[in-house]
All heavy atoms as atom14 arrays in JSON, in Angstrom:
{
  "sequence": "GDLPASWSVEAIVVDDGSLDRKALNAVVINYSNARILSH",
  "atom14_mask": [
    [1, 1, 1, 1, 0, 0, 0, 0, 0, 0, 0, 0, 0, 0],
    [1, 1, 1, 1, 1, 1, 1, 1, 0, 0, 0, 0, 0, 0],
    [1, 1, 1, 1, 1, 1, 1, 1, 0, 0, 0, 0, 0, 0],
    [1, 1, 1, 1, 1, 1, 1, 0, 0, 0, 0, 0, 0, 0],
    [1, 1, 1, 1, 1, 0, 0, 0, 0, 0, 0, 0, 0, 0],
    [1, 1, 1, 1, 1, 1, 0, 0, 0, 0, 0, 0, 0, 0],
    [1, 1, 1, 1, 1, 1, 1, 1, 1, 1, 1, 1, 1, 1],
    [1, 1, 1, 1, 1, 1, 0, 0, 0, 0, 0, 0, 0, 0],
    [1, 1, 1, 1, 1, 1, 1, 0, 0, 0, 0, 0, 0, 0],
    [1, 1, 1, 1, 1, 1, 1, 1, 1, 0, 0, 0, 0, 0],
    [1, 1, 1, 1, 1, 0, 0, 0, 0, 0, 0, 0, 0, 0],
    [1, 1, 1, 1, 1, 1, 1, 1, 0, 0, 0, 0, 0, 0],
    [1, 1, 1, 1, 1, 1, 1, 0, 0, 0, 0, 0, 0, 0],
    [1, 1, 1, 1, 1, 1, 1, 0, 0, 0, 0, 0, 0, 0],
    [1, 1, 1, 1, 1, 1, 1, 1, 0, 0, 0, 0, 0, 0],
    [1, 1, 1, 1, 1, 1, 1, 1, 0, 0, 0, 0, 0, 0],
    [1, 1, 1, 1, 0, 0, 0, 0, 0, 0, 0, 0, 0, 0],
    [1, 1, 1, 1, 1, 1, 0, 0, 0, 0, 0, 0, 0, 0],
    [1, 1, 1, 1, 1, 1, 1, 1, 0, 0, 0, 0, 0, 0],
    [1, 1, 1, 1, 1, 1, 1, 1, 0, 0, 0, 0, 0, 0],
    [1, 1, 1, 1, 1, 1, 1, 1, 1, 1, 1, 0, 0, 0],
    [1, 1, 1, 1, 1, 1, 1, 1, 1, 0, 0, 0, 0, 0],
    [1, 1, 1, 1, 1, 0, 0, 0, 0, 0, 0, 0, 0, 0],
    [1, 1, 1, 1, 1, 1, 1, 1, 0, 0, 0, 0, 0, 0],
    [1, 1, 1, 1, 1, 1, 1, 1, 0, 0, 0, 0, 0, 0],
    [1, 1, 1, 1, 1, 0, 0, 0, 0, 0, 0, 0, 0, 0],
    [1, 1, 1, 1, 1, 1, 1, 0, 0, 0, 0, 0, 0, 0],
    [1, 1, 1, 1, 1, 1, 1, 0, 0, 0, 0, 0, 0, 0],
    [1, 1, 1, 1, 1, 1, 1, 1, 0, 0, 0, 0, 0, 0],
    [1, 1, 1, 1, 1, 1, 1, 1, 0, 0, 0, 0, 0, 0],
    [1, 1, 1, 1, 1, 1, 1, 1, 1, 1, 1, 1, 0, 0],
    [1, 1, 1, 1, 1, 1, 0, 0, 0, 0, 0, 0, 0, 0],
    [1, 1, 1, 1, 1, 1, 1, 1, 0, 0, 0, 0, 0, 0],
    [1, 1, 1, 1, 1, 0, 0, 0, 0, 0, 0, 0, 0, 0],
    [1, 1, 1, 1, 1, 1, 1, 1, 1, 1, 1, 0, 0, 0],
    [1, 1, 1, 1, 1, 1, 1, 1, 0, 0, 0, 0, 0, 0],
    [1, 1, 1, 1, 1, 1, 1, 1, 0, 0, 0, 0, 0, 0],
    [1, 1, 1, 1, 1, 1, 0, 0, 0, 0, 0, 0, 0, 0],
    [1, 1, 1, 1, 1, 1, 1, 1, 1, 1, 0, 0, 0, 0]
  ],
  "atom14_positions": [
    [[-22.96, 37.45, -44.28], [-23.7, 37.14, -43.01], [-24.95, 38.1, -42.85], [-24.93, 39.21, -43.29], [0.0, 0.0, 0.0], [0.0, 0.0, 0.0], [0.0, 0.0, 0.0], [0.0, 0.0, 0.0], [0.0, 0.0, 0.0], [0.0, 0.0, 0.0], [0.0, 0.0, 0.0], [0.0, 0.0, 0.0], [0.0, 0.0, 0.0], [0.0, 0.0, 0.0]],
    [[-25.96, 37.59, -42.33], [-27.27, 38.39, -42.1], [-27.15, 38.87, -40.56], [-27.49, 38.13, -39.7], [-28.44, 37.48, -42.27], [-29.73, 38.25, -42.38], [-29.66, 39.47, -42.56], [-30.83, 37.58, -42.31], [0.0, 0.0, 0.0], [0.0, 0.0, 0.0], [0.0, 0.0, 0.0], [0.0, 0.0, 0.0], [0.0, 0.0, 0.0], [0.0, 0.0, 0.0]],
    [[-26.79, 40.08, -40.4], [-26.46, 40.61, -39.15], [-27.57, 41.78, -38.78], [-28.11, 42.31, -39.83], [-25.06, 41.23, -39.1], [-23.94, 40.28, -39.33], [-22.62, 41.08, -39.35], [-23.83, 39.18, -38.22], [0.0, 0.0, 0.0], [0.0, 0.0, 0.0], [0.0, 0.0, 0.0], [0.0, 0.0, 0.0], [0.0, 0.0, 0.0], [0.0, 0.0, 0.0]],
    [[-27.65, 42.0, -37.54], [-28.61, 43.0, -37.1], [-28.13, 44.41, -37.75], [-26.9, 44.55, -37.96], [-28.5, 43.07, -35.59], [-28.13, 41.63, -35.23], [-27.21, 41.16, -36.35], [0.0, 0.0, 0.0], [0.0, 0.0, 0.0], [0.0, 0.0, 0.0], [0.0, 0.0, 0.0], [0.0, 0.0, 0.0], [0.0, 0.0, 0.0], [0.0, 0.0, 0.0]],
    [[-29.0, 45.39, -37.91], [-28.58, 46.66, -38.57], [-27.66, 47.35, -37.8], [-26.83, 48.17, -38.34], [-29.92, 47.48, -38.74], [0.0, 0.0, 0.0], [0.0, 0.0, 0.0], [0.0, 0.0, 0.0], [0.0, 0.0, 0.0], [0.0, 0.0, 0.0], [0.0, 0.0, 0.0], [0.0, 0.0, 0.0], [0.0, 0.0, 0.0], [0.0, 0.0, 0.0]],
    [[-27.65, 47.25, -36.47], [-26.64, 47.99, -35.66], [-25.28, 47.39, -35.68], [-24.29, 47.96, -35.06], [-27.13, 48.07, -34.26], [-27.23, 46.75, -33.63], [0.0, 0.0, 0.0], [0.0, 0.0, 0.0], [0.0, 0.0, 0.0], [0.0, 0.0, 0.0], [0.0, 0.0, 0.0], [0.0, 0.0, 0.0], [0.0, 0.0, 0.0], [0.0, 0.0, 0.0]],
    [[-24.99, 46.36, -36.36], [-23.63, 45.73, -36.48], [-23.03, 46.0, -37.77], [-23.71, 46.14, -38.81], [-23.77, 44.24, -36.34], [-24.18, 43.69, -34.98], [-24.74, 44.41, -33.99], [-24.01, 42.41, -34.46], [-25.03, 43.61, -32.89], [-24.61, 42.38, -33.2], [-23.63, 41.2, -35.0], [-24.63, 41.13, -32.48], [-23.54, 40.07, -34.24], [-24.14, 40.06, -32.97]],
    [[-21.75, 46.17, -37.78], [-21.02, 46.37, -39.04], [-19.86, 45.37, -38.96], [-19.35, 45.01, -37.91], [-20.58, 47.76, -39.33], [-19.78, 48.17, -38.28], [0.0, 0.0, 0.0], [0.0, 0.0, 0.0], [0.0, 0.0, 0.0], [0.0, 0.0, 0.0], [0.0, 0.0, 0.0], [0.0, 0.0, 0.0], [0.0, 0.0, 0.0], [0.0, 0.0, 0.0]],
    [[-19.35, 45.05, -40.17], [-18.23, 44.02, -40.31], [-17.14, 44.61, -41.1], [-17.45, 45.32, -42.05], [-18.78, 42.76, -41.0], [-17.63, 41.79, -41.2], [-19.82, 42.1, -40.1], [0.0, 0.0, 0.0], [0.0, 0.0, 0.0], [0.0, 0.0, 0.0], [0.0, 0.0, 0.0], [0.0, 0.0, 0.0], [0.0, 0.0, 0.0], [0.0, 0.0, 0.0]],
    [[-15.89, 44.4, -40.72], [-14.76, 44.78, -41.48], [-13.77, 43.65, -41.62], [-13.82, 42.73, -40.73], [-13.96, 45.99, -40.9], [-13.2, 45.74, -39.69], [-12.39, 46.92, -39.19], [-12.21, 47.92, -39.87], [-11.89, 46.78, -38.05], [0.0, 0.0, 0.0], [0.0, 0.0, 0.0], [0.0, 0.0, 0.0], [0.0, 0.0, 0.0], [0.0, 0.0, 0.0]],
    [[-13.04, 43.68, -42.65], [-12.03, 42.6, -42.83], [-10.57, 43.22, -43.02], [-10.5, 44.17, -43.85], [-12.32, 41.66, -43.9], [0.0, 0.0, 0.0], [0.0, 0.0, 0.0], [0.0, 0.0, 0.0], [0.0, 0.0, 0.0], [0.0, 0.0, 0.0], [0.0, 0.0, 0.0], [0.0, 0.0, 0.0], [0.0, 0.0, 0.0], [0.0, 0.0, 0.0]],
    [[-9.66, 42.83, -42.26], [-8.3, 43.29, -42.35], [-7.42, 42.2, -42.82], [-7.26, 41.15, -42.17], [-7.75, 43.84, -41.15], [-8.62, 45.03, -40.62], [-6.23, 44.31, -41.24], [-8.39, 45.42, -39.18], [0.0, 0.0, 0.0], [0.0, 0.0, 0.0], [0.0, 0.0, 0.0], [0.0, 0.0, 0.0], [0.0, 0.0, 0.0], [0.0, 0.0, 0.0]],
    [[-7.02, 42.23, -44.17], [-6.17, 41.2, -44.75], [-4.63, 41.56, -44.6], [-4.35, 42.66, -45.05], [-6.56, 41.07, -46.24], [-5.77, 39.93, -46.8], [-8.08, 40.65, -46.47], [0.0, 0.0, 0.0], [0.0, 0.0, 0.0], [0.0, 0.0, 0.0], [0.0, 0.0, 0.0], [0.0, 0.0, 0.0], [0.0, 0.0, 0.0], [0.0, 0.0, 0.0]],
    [[-3.94, 40.76, -43.93], [-2.55, 41.05, -43.68], [-1.79, 40.19, -44.74], [-1.75, 39.01, -44.6], [-2.15, 40.7, -42.29], [-0.69, 41.0, -42.04], [-3.05, 41.49, -41.29], [0.0, 0.0, 0.0], [0.0, 0.0, 0.0], [0.0, 0.0, 0.0], [0.0, 0.0, 0.0], [0.0, 0.0, 0.0], [0.0, 0.0, 0.0], [0.0, 0.0, 0.0]],
    [[-1.2, 40.85, -45.65], [-0.31, 40.29, -46.77], [0.97, 39.98, -46.05], [1.8, 41.0, -45.78], [-0.14, 41.15, -47.85], [0.81, 40.58, -48.88], [1.2, 39.4, -48.78], [1.03, 41.33, -49.88], [0.0, 0.0, 0.0], [0.0, 0.0, 0.0], [0.0, 0.0, 0.0], [0.0, 0.0, 0.0], [0.0, 0.0, 0.0], [0.0, 0.0, 0.0]],
    [[1.36, 38.79, -45.84], [2.57, 38.37, -45.08], [3.73, 38.03, -46.07], [4.24, 37.0, -46.05], [2.28, 37.24, -44.22], [3.32, 37.07, -43.12], [4.06, 38.04, -42.9], [3.31, 35.9, -42.48], [0.0, 0.0, 0.0], [0.0, 0.0, 0.0], [0.0, 0.0, 0.0], [0.0, 0.0, 0.0], [0.0, 0.0, 0.0], [0.0, 0.0, 0.0]],
    [[4.02, 39.06, -46.95], [5.13, 38.77, -47.92], [4.78, 37.99, -49.12], [5.67, 37.19, -49.66], [0.0, 0.0, 0.0], [0.0, 0.0, 0.0], [0.0, 0.0, 0.0], [0.0, 0.0, 0.0], [0.0, 0.0, 0.0], [0.0, 0.0, 0.0], [0.0, 0.0, 0.0], [0.0, 0.0, 0.0], [0.0, 0.0, 0.0], [0.0, 0.0, 0.0]],
    [[3.53, 38.01, -49.52], [3.15, 37.11, -50.63], [3.79, 37.34, -51.99], [4.15, 38.57, -52.18], [1.59, 37.35, -50.88], [0.8, 36.87, -49.86], [0.0, 0.0, 0.0], [0.0, 0.0, 0.0], [0.0, 0.0, 0.0], [0.0, 0.0, 0.0], [0.0, 0.0, 0.0], [0.0, 0.0, 0.0], [0.0, 0.0, 0.0], [0.0, 0.0, 0.0]],
    [[3.91, 36.39, -52.82], [4.47, 36.59, -54.19], [3.28, 37.04, -55.1], [3.51, 37.47, -56.22], [5.06, 35.32, -54.56], [6.26, 34.84, -53.78], [6.74, 33.49, -54.19], [7.39, 35.86, -53.82], [0.0, 0.0, 0.0], [0.0, 0.0, 0.0], [0.0, 0.0, 0.0], [0.0, 0.0, 0.0], [0.0, 0.0, 0.0], [0.0, 0.0, 0.0]],
    [[1.98, 36.97, -54.67], [0.92, 37.31, -55.48], [0.22, 38.54, -54.98], [-0.95, 38.72, -55.04], [-0.05, 36.1, -55.63], [-0.74, 35.78, -54.21], [-0.24, 36.27, -53.31], [-1.63, 34.94, -54.23], [0.0, 0.0, 0.0], [0.0, 0.0, 0.0], [0.0, 0.0, 0.0], [0.0, 0.0, 0.0], [0.0, 0.0, 0.0], [0.0, 0.0, 0.0]],
    [[1.07, 39.44, -54.53], [0.5, 40.69, -53.93], [-0.42, 41.37, -54.77], [-1.44, 41.95, -54.39], [1.68, 41.59, -53.5], [1.29, 42.83, -52.91], [2.47, 43.54, -52.19], [2.86, 42.73, -51.1], [4.04, 42.9, -50.5], [4.82, 43.84, -50.83], [4.4, 42.16, -49.57], [0.0, 0.0, 0.0], [0.0, 0.0, 0.0], [0.0, 0.0, 0.0]],
    [[-0.11, 41.6, -56.17], [-0.99, 42.34, -57.03], [-2.3, 41.7, -57.18], [-3.33, 42.38, -57.17], [-0.24, 42.48, -58.44], [0.8, 43.54, -58.53], [1.34, 43.67, -59.94], [1.56, 45.03, -60.31], [1.98, 45.17, -61.71], [0.0, 0.0, 0.0], [0.0, 0.0, 0.0], [0.0, 0.0, 0.0], [0.0, 0.0, 0.0], [0.0, 0.0, 0.0]],
    [[-2.36, 40.34, -57.32], [-3.54, 39.67, -57.49], [-4.43, 39.73, -56.17], [-5.65, 39.9, -56.26], [-3.34, 38.16, -57.89], [0.0, 0.0, 0.0], [0.0, 0.0, 0.0], [0.0, 0.0, 0.0], [0.0, 0.0, 0.0], [0.0, 0.0, 0.0], [0.0, 0.0, 0.0], [0.0, 0.0, 0.0], [0.0, 0.0, 0.0], [0.0, 0.0, 0.0]],
    [[-3.73, 39.75, -55.09], [-4.47, 39.84, -53.78], [-5.1, 41.19, -53.61], [-6.27, 41.24, -53.24], [-3.47, 39.5, -52.59], [-4.06, 39.49, -51.22], [-4.97, 38.28, -51.07], [-2.83, 39.35, -50.22], [0.0, 0.0, 0.0], [0.0, 0.0, 0.0], [0.0, 0.0, 0.0], [0.0, 0.0, 0.0], [0.0, 0.0, 0.0], [0.0, 0.0, 0.0]],
    [[-4.29, 42.16, -53.91], [-4.89, 43.54, -53.9], [-6.03, 43.64, -54.81], [-7.06, 44.4, -54.55], [-3.82, 44.62, -54.26], [-2.81, 44.92, -53.12], [-3.28, 44.82, -51.96], [-1.58, 45.09, -53.57], [0.0, 0.0, 0.0], [0.0, 0.0, 0.0], [0.0, 0.0, 0.0], [0.0, 0.0, 0.0], [0.0, 0.0, 0.0], [0.0, 0.0, 0.0]],
    [[-6.06, 43.12, -56.06], [-7.03, 43.21, -56.99], [-8.37, 42.57, -56.48], [-9.4, 43.07, -56.93], [-6.67, 42.55, -58.31], [0.0, 0.0, 0.0], [0.0, 0.0, 0.0], [0.0, 0.0, 0.0], [0.0, 0.0, 0.0], [0.0, 0.0, 0.0], [0.0, 0.0, 0.0], [0.0, 0.0, 0.0], [0.0, 0.0, 0.0], [0.0, 0.0, 0.0]],
    [[-8.26, 41.54, -55.63], [-9.43, 41.03, -55.09], [-10.03, 41.79, -53.96], [-11.22, 42.13, -53.87], [-9.19, 39.5, -54.66], [-10.45, 38.95, -53.87], [-8.82, 38.73, -55.78], [0.0, 0.0, 0.0], [0.0, 0.0, 0.0], [0.0, 0.0, 0.0], [0.0, 0.0, 0.0], [0.0, 0.0, 0.0], [0.0, 0.0, 0.0], [0.0, 0.0, 0.0]],
    [[-9.17, 42.13, -53.08], [-9.54, 42.88, -51.74], [-10.12, 44.22, -52.15], [-11.13, 44.65, -51.42], [-8.34, 42.95, -50.86], [-8.75, 43.85, -49.57], [-7.9, 41.65, -50.38], [0.0, 0.0, 0.0], [0.0, 0.0, 0.0], [0.0, 0.0, 0.0], [0.0, 0.0, 0.0], [0.0, 0.0, 0.0], [0.0, 0.0, 0.0], [0.0, 0.0, 0.0]],
    [[-9.74, 44.92, -53.11], [-10.13, 46.23, -53.43], [-11.66, 46.25, -53.74], [-12.36, 47.29, -53.71], [-9.34, 46.85, -54.52], [-9.55, 48.39, -54.54], [-9.64, 46.32, -55.83], [-8.47, 49.12, -55.36], [0.0, 0.0, 0.0], [0.0, 0.0, 0.0], [0.0, 0.0, 0.0], [0.0, 0.0, 0.0], [0.0, 0.0, 0.0], [0.0, 0.0, 0.0]],
    [[-12.27, 45.12, -54.15], [-13.66, 45.0, -54.5], [-14.6, 45.01, -53.27], [-15.78, 45.01, -53.5], [-13.9, 43.8, -55.4], [-13.25, 43.91, -56.68], [-13.44, 44.84, -57.47], [-12.37, 42.96, -57.01], [0.0, 0.0, 0.0], [0.0, 0.0, 0.0], [0.0, 0.0, 0.0], [0.0, 0.0, 0.0], [0.0, 0.0, 0.0], [0.0, 0.0, 0.0]],
    [[-14.05, 45.0, -52.14], [-14.91, 44.96, -50.92], [-14.65, 46.23, -50.15], [-13.6, 46.58, -49.73], [-14.47, 43.73, -50.02], [-14.75, 42.45, -50.68], [-13.8, 41.85, -51.58], [-15.97, 41.71, -50.42], [-14.02, 40.68, -52.14], [-16.09, 40.56, -51.15], [-15.1, 40.09, -51.98], [-15.34, 38.84, -52.54], [0.0, 0.0, 0.0], [0.0, 0.0, 0.0]],
    [[-15.76, 47.01, -49.96], [-15.65, 48.31, -49.4], [-15.23, 48.35, -47.92], [-14.67, 49.23, -47.47], [-16.92, 49.12, -49.58], [-18.06, 48.49, -48.88], [0.0, 0.0, 0.0], [0.0, 0.0, 0.0], [0.0, 0.0, 0.0], [0.0, 0.0, 0.0], [0.0, 0.0, 0.0], [0.0, 0.0, 0.0], [0.0, 0.0, 0.0], [0.0, 0.0, 0.0]],
    [[-15.55, 47.23, -47.24], [-15.18, 47.18, -45.79], [-14.02, 46.27, -45.53], [-13.88, 45.73, -44.53], [-16.45, 46.74, -45.03], [-17.46, 47.73, -44.91], [-17.2, 48.99, -45.17], [-18.74, 47.36, -44.59], [0.0, 0.0, 0.0], [0.0, 0.0, 0.0], [0.0, 0.0, 0.0], [0.0, 0.0, 0.0], [0.0, 0.0, 0.0], [0.0, 0.0, 0.0]],
    [[-13.17, 46.15, -46.61], [-11.92, 45.27, -46.37], [-10.87, 46.11, -46.8], [-10.87, 47.08, -47.66], [-11.97, 44.11, -47.34], [0.0, 0.0, 0.0], [0.0, 0.0, 0.0], [0.0, 0.0, 0.0], [0.0, 0.0, 0.0], [0.0, 0.0, 0.0], [0.0, 0.0, 0.0], [0.0, 0.0, 0.0], [0.0, 0.0, 0.0], [0.0, 0.0, 0.0]],
    [[-9.71, 45.89, -46.08], [-8.5, 46.7, -46.42], [-7.38, 45.69, -46.22], [-7.44, 44.67, -45.58], [-8.27, 47.86, -45.56], [-8.17, 47.58, -44.05], [-8.25, 48.88, -43.28], [-8.44, 48.67, -41.89], [-7.62, 49.07, -40.91], [-6.63, 49.81, -41.18], [-7.93, 48.78, -39.66], [0.0, 0.0, 0.0], [0.0, 0.0, 0.0], [0.0, 0.0, 0.0]],
    [[-6.27, 46.08, -46.92], [-5.07, 45.23, -46.89], [-3.86, 45.87, -46.29], [-3.64, 47.12, -46.5], [-4.78, 44.66, -48.39], [-3.69, 43.57, -48.29], [-4.31, 45.78, -49.23], [-3.75, 42.68, -49.5], [0.0, 0.0, 0.0], [0.0, 0.0, 0.0], [0.0, 0.0, 0.0], [0.0, 0.0, 0.0], [0.0, 0.0, 0.0], [0.0, 0.0, 0.0]],
    [[-3.25, 45.16, -45.37], [-1.99, 45.7, -44.83], [-0.86, 44.81, -45.18], [-1.02, 43.6, -45.29], [-2.19, 45.62, -43.3], [-3.25, 46.52, -42.6], [-3.26, 46.38, -41.12], [-3.0, 48.02, -43.02], [0.0, 0.0, 0.0], [0.0, 0.0, 0.0], [0.0, 0.0, 0.0], [0.0, 0.0, 0.0], [0.0, 0.0, 0.0], [0.0, 0.0, 0.0]],
    [[0.32, 45.39, -45.53], [1.46, 44.54, -45.95], [2.4, 44.39, -44.81], [2.68, 45.39, -44.06], [2.1, 45.27, -47.07], [1.28, 45.21, -48.24], [0.0, 0.0, 0.0], [0.0, 0.0, 0.0], [0.0, 0.0, 0.0], [0.0, 0.0, 0.0], [0.0, 0.0, 0.0], [0.0, 0.0, 0.0], [0.0, 0.0, 0.0], [0.0, 0.0, 0.0]],
    [[2.91, 43.15, -44.61], [3.88, 42.85, -43.57], [4.93, 42.16, -44.3], [4.87, 41.12, -44.97], [3.18, 42.02, -42.57], [4.11, 41.69, -41.31], [4.88, 40.45, -41.39], [4.35, 42.29, -40.2], [5.62, 40.46, -40.3], [5.29, 41.45, -39.6], [0.0, 0.0, 0.0], [0.0, 0.0, 0.0], [0.0, 0.0, 0.0], [0.0, 0.0, 0.0]]
  ]
}
């Protein structure tokens, strides 16, 4: 997204017991403003 400079964006990905947890982590780690939480 093209946002004003004073705005920042973060993504919190909640892994809800996935069977593909390793693959999910491998994708999310490539985004500096994204983090993953496991549930």
